[in-house]
C-alpha cells in the first residue's frame, strides 16, 4: 500500500488504551489501522469502499453496542 501525502496532512495517532494492551496506530480520518501484531499489514476502513462484503468473523463482539446488529451468516 502506498499513500501519497505531499502536503503531509495525514497524521498517525498512537492509542495505548486497548483491550489487548498493545498500542495501535490509527490513521488520519481514520483511513486505516496498524497493529504491532501484524507488521506489514494495514486494516483499511470499510467506509473507503462503495460496497462492503458481509463480515466473515466478529472480533470483540462482547464490546459491541446494543443497537449494532452483526450477522456472519
Protein backbone atom coordinates (compact mmCIF):
# COMPACT_ATOMS: atom_id res chain seq x y z
CA UNK A 1 0.00 0.00 0.00
CA UNK A 2 1.36 3.38 -0.95
CA UNK A 3 -0.15 6.55 0.44
CA UNK A 4 0.79 9.80 -1.22
CA UNK A 5 0.51 12.80 1.08
CA UNK A 6 2.55 15.63 -0.47
CA UNK A 7 1.18 18.22 1.97
CA UNK A 8 1.77 15.97 4.99
CA UNK A 9 -1.85 16.38 6.06
CA UNK A 10 -2.24 12.84 7.40
CA UNK A 11 -1.20 12.05 10.93
CA UNK A 12 -0.78 8.77 12.81
CA UNK A 13 -2.22 8.61 16.31
CA UNK A 14 -0.89 6.09 18.83
CA UNK A 15 -3.62 4.62 21.08
CA UNK A 16 -2.29 2.68 24.11
CA UNK A 17 -5.77 2.26 25.66
CA UNK A 18 -6.62 -1.12 24.08
CA UNK A 19 -8.09 -4.39 25.37
CA UNK A 20 -5.01 -6.31 24.23
CA UNK A 21 -2.57 -3.94 25.90
CA UNK A 22 -0.82 -3.34 22.57
CA UNK A 23 -0.52 0.15 21.17
CA UNK A 24 -2.43 0.56 17.92
CA UNK A 25 -1.63 3.19 15.33
CA UNK A 26 -4.66 4.92 13.87
CA UNK A 27 -4.50 6.71 10.58
CA UNK A 28 -5.97 10.12 9.86
CA UNK A 29 -9.73 10.37 9.47
CA UNK A 30 -9.49 7.21 10.07
CA UNK A 31 -8.34 5.65 6.82
CA UNK A 32 -6.53 2.66 8.26
CA UNK A 33 -5.26 0.99 11.44
CA UNK A 34 -1.80 -0.54 12.00
CA UNK A 35 -1.06 -3.16 14.67
CA UNK A 36 2.27 -4.48 16.01
CA UNK A 37 0.72 -7.98 15.99
CA UNK A 38 0.64 -7.99 12.18
CA UNK A 39 3.63 -6.00 10.92
CA UNK A 40 3.45 -5.04 7.28
CA UNK A 41 -0.36 -5.09 7.17
CA UNK A 42 -2.87 -2.26 7.37
CA UNK A 43 -6.60 -2.56 8.09
CA UNK A 44 -8.40 -0.27 5.66
CA UNK A 45 -11.69 1.20 6.88
CA UNK A 46 -14.80 -0.09 5.11
CA UNK A 47 -16.14 3.44 4.60
CA UNK A 48 -13.50 3.91 1.87
CA UNK A 49 -15.30 1.48 -0.43
CA UNK A 50 -18.53 1.83 -2.40
CA UNK A 51 -19.71 -1.67 -1.45
CA UNK A 52 -18.72 -3.80 1.52
CA UNK A 53 -18.91 -7.59 1.95
CA UNK A 54 -20.73 -9.18 4.87
CA UNK A 55 -18.37 -9.93 7.79
CA UNK A 56 -16.85 -13.40 7.91
CA UNK A 57 -15.99 -13.13 11.61
CA UNK A 58 -16.54 -10.84 14.56
CA UNK A 59 -13.84 -9.61 16.94
CA UNK A 60 -14.65 -8.07 20.33
CA UNK A 61 -18.35 -8.87 19.82
CA UNK A 62 -18.87 -8.60 23.57
CA UNK A 63 -17.93 -4.91 23.31
CA UNK A 64 -20.43 -4.01 20.57
CA UNK A 65 -23.14 -1.51 21.28
CA UNK A 66 -26.61 -2.99 21.83
CA UNK A 67 -28.01 -1.15 18.80
CA UNK A 68 -25.43 -2.76 16.47
CA UNK A 69 -26.52 -5.91 14.69
CA UNK A 70 -23.84 -8.11 13.11
CA UNK A 71 -24.69 -11.20 11.11
CA UNK A 72 -21.92 -13.55 9.96
CA UNK A 73 -24.23 -15.92 8.06
